[in-house]
C-alpha atoms as a PDB file:
ATOM      1  CA  UNK A   1      88.210  89.734  54.784  1.00  0.00           C
ATOM      2  CA  UNK A   2      90.632  91.007  57.396  1.00  0.00           C
ATOM      3  CA  UNK A   3      91.429  89.212  60.586  1.00  0.00           C
ATOM      4  CA  UNK A   4      89.721  91.950  62.632  1.00  0.00           C
ATOM      5  CA  UNK A   5      86.480  91.735  60.663  1.00  0.00           C
ATOM      6  CA  UNK A   6      86.524  87.950  60.921  1.00  0.00           C
ATOM      7  CA  UNK A   7      86.820  88.163  64.723  1.00  0.00           C
ATOM      8  CA  UNK A   8      84.052  90.732  64.858  1.00  0.00           C
ATOM      9  CA  UNK A   9      81.777  88.464  62.867  1.00  0.00           C
ATOM     10  CA  UNK A  10      82.496  85.603  65.252  1.00  0.00           C
ATOM     11  CA  UNK A  11      81.671  87.804  68.226  1.00  0.00           C
ATOM     12  CA  UNK A  12      78.419  88.790  66.533  1.00  0.00           C
ATOM     13  CA  UNK A  13      77.577  85.104  66.245  1.00  0.00           C
ATOM     14  CA  UNK A  14      78.404  84.559  69.909  1.00  0.00           C
ATOM     15  CA  UNK A  15      76.007  87.343  70.877  1.00  0.00           C
ATOM     16  CA  UNK A  16      73.074  85.579  69.231  1.00  0.00           C
ATOM     17  CA  UNK A  17      73.108  82.802  71.849  1.00  0.00           C
ATOM     18  CA  UNK A  18      72.579  85.112  74.828  1.00  0.00           C
ATOM     19  CA  UNK A  19      69.946  87.063  72.892  1.00  0.00           C
ATOM     20  CA  UNK A  20      68.094  83.820  72.155  1.00  0.00           C
ATOM     21  CA  UNK A  21      68.261  82.798  75.811  1.00  0.00           C
ATOM     22  CA  UNK A  22      66.934  86.164  76.946  1.00  0.00           C
ATOM     23  CA  UNK A  23      64.162  85.869  74.336  1.00  0.00           C
ATOM     24  CA  UNK A  24      63.355  82.402  75.754  1.00  0.00           C
ATOM     25  CA  UNK A  25      63.232  83.853  79.285  1.00  0.00           C
ATOM     26  CA  UNK A  26      60.760  86.468  78.085  1.00  0.00           C
ATOM     27  CA  UNK A  27      58.624  83.878  76.261  1.00  0.00           C
ATOM     28  CA  UNK A  28      58.482  81.607  79.308  1.00  0.00           C
ATOM     29  CA  UNK A  29      57.546  84.572  81.512  1.00  0.00           C
ATOM     30  CA  UNK A  30      54.662  85.379  79.171  1.00  0.00           C
ATOM     31  CA  UNK A  31      53.546  81.750  79.355  1.00  0.00           C
ATOM     32  CA  UNK A  32      53.708  81.998  83.162  1.00  0.00           C
ATOM     33  CA  UNK A  33      51.478  85.057  82.931  1.00  0.00           C
ATOM     34  CA  UNK A  34      48.949  83.134  80.843  1.00  0.00           C
ATOM     35  CA  UNK A  35      49.029  80.310  83.417  1.00  0.00           C
ATOM     36  CA  UNK A  36      48.433  82.862  86.185  1.00  0.00           C
ATOM     37  CA  UNK A  37      45.496  84.346  84.292  1.00  0.00           C
ATOM     38  CA  UNK A  38      44.054  80.862  83.742  1.00  0.00           C
ATOM     39  CA  UNK A  39      44.500  80.033  87.404  1.00  0.00           C
ATOM     40  CA  UNK A  40      42.712  83.227  88.455  1.00  0.00           C
ATOM     41  CA  UNK A  41      39.807  82.595  86.079  1.00  0.00           C
ATOM     42  CA  UNK A  42      39.371  78.995  87.240  1.00  0.00           C
ATOM     43  CA  UNK A  43      39.526  80.010  90.916  1.00  0.00           C
ATOM     44  CA  UNK A  44      36.859  82.670  90.306  1.00  0.00           C
ATOM     45  CA  UNK A  45      34.734  80.114  88.446  1.00  0.00           C
ATOM     46  CA  UNK A  46      35.160  77.651  91.310  1.00  0.00           C
ATOM     47  CA  UNK A  47      34.158  80.248  93.906  1.00  0.00           C
ATOM     48  CA  UNK A  48      31.053  81.259  91.956  1.00  0.00           C
ATOM     49  CA  UNK A  49      30.053  77.633  91.410  1.00  0.00           C
ATOM     50  CA  UNK A  50      30.616  76.675  95.056  1.00  0.00           C
ATOM     51  CA  UNK A  51      29.171  79.667  96.904  1.00  0.00           C
ATOM     52  CA  UNK A  52      26.746  81.354  94.516  1.00  0.00           C
ATOM     53  CA  UNK A  53      25.327  78.355  92.668  1.00  0.00           C
ATOM     54  CA  UNK A  54      25.936  75.724  95.396  1.00  0.00           C
ATOM     55  CA  UNK A  55      27.370  73.361  92.787  1.00  0.00           C
ATOM     56  CA  UNK A  56      31.093  72.924  93.504  1.00  0.00           C
ATOM     57  CA  UNK A  57      33.411  71.584  90.820  1.00  0.00           C
ATOM     58  CA  UNK A  58      36.180  69.352  92.131  1.00  0.00           C
ATOM     59  CA  UNK A  59      38.574  69.905  89.222  1.00  0.00           C
ATOM     60  CA  UNK A  60      38.847  73.677  89.820  1.00  0.00           C
ATOM     61  CA  UNK A  61      40.989  73.280  92.949  1.00  0.00           C
ATOM     62  CA  UNK A  62      43.223  70.744  91.243  1.00  0.00           C
ATOM     63  CA  UNK A  63      43.604  72.928  88.168  1.00  0.00           C
ATOM     64  CA  UNK A  64      44.537  75.919  90.347  1.00  0.00           C
ATOM     65  CA  UNK A  65      47.132  73.892  92.255  1.00  0.00           C
ATOM     66  CA  UNK A  66      48.660  72.576  89.031  1.00  0.00           C
ATOM     67  CA  UNK A  67      48.649  76.038  87.436  1.00  0.00           C
ATOM     68  CA  UNK A  68      50.832  77.377  90.223  1.00  0.00           C
ATOM     69  CA  UNK A  69      53.810  75.249  89.116  1.00  0.00           C
ATOM     70  CA  UNK A  70      54.180  76.812  85.643  1.00  0.00           C
ATOM     71  CA  UNK A  71      53.631  80.272  87.127  1.00  0.00           C
ATOM     72  CA  UNK A  72      56.700  79.755  89.310  1.00  0.00           C
ATOM     73  CA  UNK A  73      58.899  77.517  87.140  1.00  0.00           C
ATOM     74  CA  UNK A  74      58.443  79.382  83.879  1.00  0.00           C
ATOM     75  CA  UNK A  75      59.106  82.738  85.514  1.00  0.00           C
ATOM     76  CA  UNK A  76      62.432  81.797  87.145  1.00  0.00           C
ATOM     77  CA  UNK A  77      64.761  82.846  84.321  1.00  0.00           C
ATOM     78  CA  UNK A  78      62.971  86.128  83.675  1.00  0.00           C
ATOM     79  CA  UNK A  79      63.062  86.957  87.382  1.00  0.00           C
ATOM     80  CA  UNK A  80      66.831  86.364  87.395  1.00  0.00           C
ATOM     81  CA  UNK A  81      67.204  88.530  84.296  1.00  0.00           C
ATOM     82  CA  UNK A  82      65.279  91.347  86.000  1.00  0.00           C
ATOM     83  CA  UNK A  83      67.114  90.987  89.330  1.00  0.00           C
ATOM     84  CA  UNK A  84      63.839  90.066  91.034  1.00  0.00           C
ATOM     85  CA  UNK A  85      65.052  87.091  93.085  1.00  0.00           C
ATOM     86  CA  UNK A  86      65.653  87.623  96.778  1.00  0.00           C
ATOM     87  CA  UNK A  87      68.867  89.545  97.466  1.00  0.00           C
ATOM     88  CA  UNK A  88      70.366  91.448 100.346  1.00  0.00           C
ATOM     89  CA  UNK A  89      72.342  94.671 100.509  1.00  0.00           C
ATOM     90  CA  UNK A  90      73.983  94.070 103.889  1.00  0.00           C
ATOM     91  CA  UNK A  91      77.395  93.285 102.384  1.00  0.00           C
ATOM     92  CA  UNK A  92      77.235  94.888  98.976  1.00  0.00           C
ATOM     93  CA  UNK A  93      77.192  98.431 100.293  1.00  0.00           C
ATOM     94  CA  UNK A  94      80.575  98.091 101.989  1.00  0.00           C
ATOM     95  CA  UNK A  95      82.341  96.011  99.345  1.00  0.00           C
ATOM     96  CA  UNK A  96      84.518  97.307  96.537  1.00  0.00           C
ATOM     97  CA  UNK A  97      83.262  97.094  92.969  1.00  0.00           C
ATOM     98  CA  UNK A  98      85.558  94.141  92.317  1.00  0.00           C
ATOM     99  CA  UNK A  99      84.324  92.287  95.413  1.00  0.00           C
ATOM    100  CA  UNK A 100      80.683  92.999  94.450  1.00  0.00           C
ATOM    101  CA  UNK A 101      81.363  91.566  91.010  1.00  0.00           C
ATOM    102  CA  UNK A 102      82.928  88.477  92.594  1.00  0.00           C
ATOM    103  CA  UNK A 103      79.952  88.068  94.918  1.00  0.00           C
ATOM    104  CA  UNK A 104      77.606  88.476  91.959  1.00  0.00           C
ATOM    105  CA  UNK A 105      79.493  85.777  90.037  1.00  0.00           C
ATOM    106  CA  UNK A 106      79.324  83.496  93.086  1.00  0.00           C
ATOM    107  CA  UNK A 107      75.561  84.033  93.291  1.00  0.00           C
ATOM    108  CA  UNK A 108      75.195  83.247  89.586  1.00  0.00           C
ATOM    109  CA  UNK A 109      77.283  80.107  90.049  1.00  0.00           C
ATOM    110  CA  UNK A 110      74.952  79.014  92.844  1.00  0.00           C
ATOM    111  CA  UNK A 111      71.933  79.772  90.632  1.00  0.00           C
ATOM    112  CA  UNK A 112      73.516  77.660  87.898  1.00  0.00           C
ATOM    113  CA  UNK A 113      74.244  74.732  90.233  1.00  0.00           C
ATOM    114  CA  UNK A 114      70.748  74.840  91.744  1.00  0.00           C
ATOM    115  CA  UNK A 115      69.183  75.165  88.298  1.00  0.00           C
ATOM    116  CA  UNK A 116      71.076  72.191  86.855  1.00  0.00           C
ATOM    117  CA  UNK A 117      70.297  70.003  89.881  1.00  0.00           C
ATOM    118  CA  UNK A 118      66.612  70.983  89.844  1.00  0.00           C
ATOM    119  CA  UNK A 119      66.407  70.464  86.074  1.00  0.00           C
ATOM    120  CA  UNK A 120      67.800  66.958  86.466  1.00  0.00           C
ATOM    121  CA  UNK A 121      65.436  66.135  89.358  1.00  0.00           C
ATOM    122  CA  UNK A 122      62.474  67.580  87.460  1.00  0.00           C
ATOM    123  CA  UNK A 123      63.400  65.558  84.389  1.00  0.00           C
ATOM    124  CA  UNK A 124      63.456  62.374  86.473  1.00  0.00           C
ATOM    125  CA  UNK A 125      60.105  63.230  88.052  1.00  0.00           C
ATOM    126  CA  UNK A 126      58.451  63.952  84.695  1.00  0.00           C
ATOM    127  CA  UNK A 127      60.023  60.835  83.155  1.00  0.00           C
ATOM    128  CA  UNK A 128      58.504  58.614  85.846  1.00  0.00           C
ATOM    129  CA  UNK A 129      55.099  60.270  85.384  1.00  0.00           C
ATOM    130  CA  UNK A 130      55.355  59.690  81.638  1.00  0.00           C
ATOM    131  CA  UNK A 131      56.580  56.081  81.904  1.00  0.00           C
ATOM    132  CA  UNK A 132      53.857  55.113  84.384  1.00  0.00           C
ATOM    133  CA  UNK A 133      51.134  57.147  82.689  1.00  0.00           C
ATOM    134  CA  UNK A 134      50.294  58.914  85.956  1.00  0.00           C
ATOM    135  CA  UNK A 135      47.204  61.118  85.996  1.00  0.00           C
ATOM    136  CA  UNK A 136      45.741  63.553  88.501  1.00  0.00           C
ATOM    137  CA  UNK A 137      42.935  62.403  90.784  1.00  0.00           C
ATOM    138  CA  UNK A 138      40.082  64.740  89.863  1.00  0.00           C
ATOM    139  CA  UNK A 139      40.610  66.062  86.344  1.00  0.00           C
ATOM    140  CA  UNK A 140      42.608  63.064  85.048  1.00  0.00           C
ATOM    141  CA  UNK A 141      45.316  65.436  83.744  1.00  0.00           C
ATOM    142  CA  UNK A 142      48.465  63.568  82.659  1.00  0.00           C
ATOM    143  CA  UNK A 143      50.988  64.532  85.345  1.00  0.00           C
ATOM    144  CA  UNK A 144      53.813  64.669  82.813  1.00  0.00           C
ATOM    145  CA  UNK A 145      52.185  67.798  81.354  1.00  0.00           C
ATOM    146  CA  UNK A 146      52.284  69.461  84.748  1.00  0.00           C
ATOM    147  CA  UNK A 147      55.725  68.229  85.765  1.00  0.00           C
ATOM    148  CA  UNK A 148      57.429  68.944  82.439  1.00  0.00           C
ATOM    149  CA  UNK A 149      57.578  72.638  83.316  1.00  0.00           C
ATOM    150  CA  UNK A 150      60.057  71.855  86.113  1.00  0.00           C
ATOM    151  CA  UNK A 151      63.017  70.872  83.900  1.00  0.00           C
ATOM    152  CA  UNK A 152      62.039  73.493  81.314  1.00  0.00           C
ATOM    153  CA  UNK A 153      61.961  76.300  83.868  1.00  0.00           C
ATOM    154  CA  UNK A 154      65.158  75.272  85.603  1.00  0.00           C
ATOM    155  CA  UNK A 155      67.002  74.748  82.316  1.00  0.00           C
ATOM    156  CA  UNK A 156      66.027  78.288  81.338  1.00  0.00           C
ATOM    157  CA  UNK A 157      67.201  79.530  84.767  1.00  0.00           C
ATOM    158  CA  UNK A 158      70.551  77.771  84.280  1.00  0.00           C
ATOM    159  CA  UNK A 159      70.999  79.224  80.805  1.00  0.00           C
ATOM    160  CA  UNK A 160      70.082  82.723  82.020  1.00  0.00           C
ATOM    161  CA  UNK A 161      72.625  82.396  84.850  1.00  0.00           C
ATOM    162  CA  UNK A 162      75.278  81.428  82.278  1.00  0.00           C
ATOM    163  CA  UNK A 163      74.393  84.411  80.094  1.00  0.00           C
ATOM    164  CA  UNK A 164      74.586  86.826  83.004  1.00  0.00           C
ATOM    165  CA  UNK A 165      77.859  85.330  84.260  1.00  0.00           C
ATOM    166  CA  UNK A 166      79.337  85.670  80.776  1.00  0.00           C
ATOM    167  CA  UNK A 167      78.137  89.260  80.547  1.00  0.00           C
ATOM    168  CA  UNK A 168      79.605  90.063  83.964  1.00  0.00           C
ATOM    169  CA  UNK A 169      82.949  88.489  83.073  1.00  0.00           C
ATOM    170  CA  UNK A 170      83.096  90.372  79.768  1.00  0.00           C
ATOM    171  CA  UNK A 171      81.978  93.625  81.349  1.00  0.00           C
ATOM    172  CA  UNK A 172      78.808  93.648  79.265  1.00  0.00           C
ATOM    173  CA  UNK A 173      76.303  93.451  82.107  1.00  0.00           C
ATOM    174  CA  UNK A 174      73.177  95.504  81.528  1.00  0.00           C
ATOM    175  CA  UNK A 175      73.134  98.851  83.303  1.00  0.00           C
ATOM    176  CA  UNK A 176      69.577  98.586  84.597  1.00  0.00           C
ATOM    177  CA  UNK A 177      69.352  98.140  88.329  1.00  0.00           C
ATOM    178  CA  UNK A 178      67.110  95.449  89.800  1.00  0.00           C
ATOM    179  CA  UNK A 179      64.288  96.580  92.035  1.00  0.00           C
ATOM    180  CA  UNK A 180      66.346  96.171  95.206  1.00  0.00           C
ATOM    181  CA  UNK A 181      69.678  97.332  93.778  1.00  0.00           C
ATOM    182  CA  UNK A 182      71.581  94.429  95.353  1.00  0.00           C
ATOM    183  CA  UNK A 183      73.216  93.033  92.222  1.00  0.00           C
ATOM    184  CA  UNK A 184      76.104  94.875  90.574  1.00  0.00           C
ATOM    185  CA  UNK A 185      75.569  95.695  86.929  1.00  0.00           C
END
């Protein structure tokens, strides 16, 4: 085996990590979609029970509120991957390509910092709910099940930010433009 082929094999191994993280982002986004579908179905059920059958179910509102958290948290990394987070083009249009790349790396660094901090805070929140055996008021859902999506979602966001920063630094950023075109690729 030559030195060049050995290095190429190592680089191939390094590319598996980012691919796995992007696969995880996609999986979590699909799970967020399932949570959204469940939330919509339960809200419709609750509306029919309350207004058509005059027999409201208390747990439907609680379930809908708790379903919103995985919809948001589990979709964070995929939204970053797709360039769907809020961005502005005020500065990027007048900056050089190098400055845009630097601004993009700064934004990813801020995503990473926010993701790590939120993951840690979410972990603490879920740990307390688990240790105390906290349950919801109406449906008696263990709160750790609801709150566990916070550290999971923000860990995935942090990992996705790392992948994208690495791709930007190596010049491997995907060429697809996000919906608003604000991020350099």
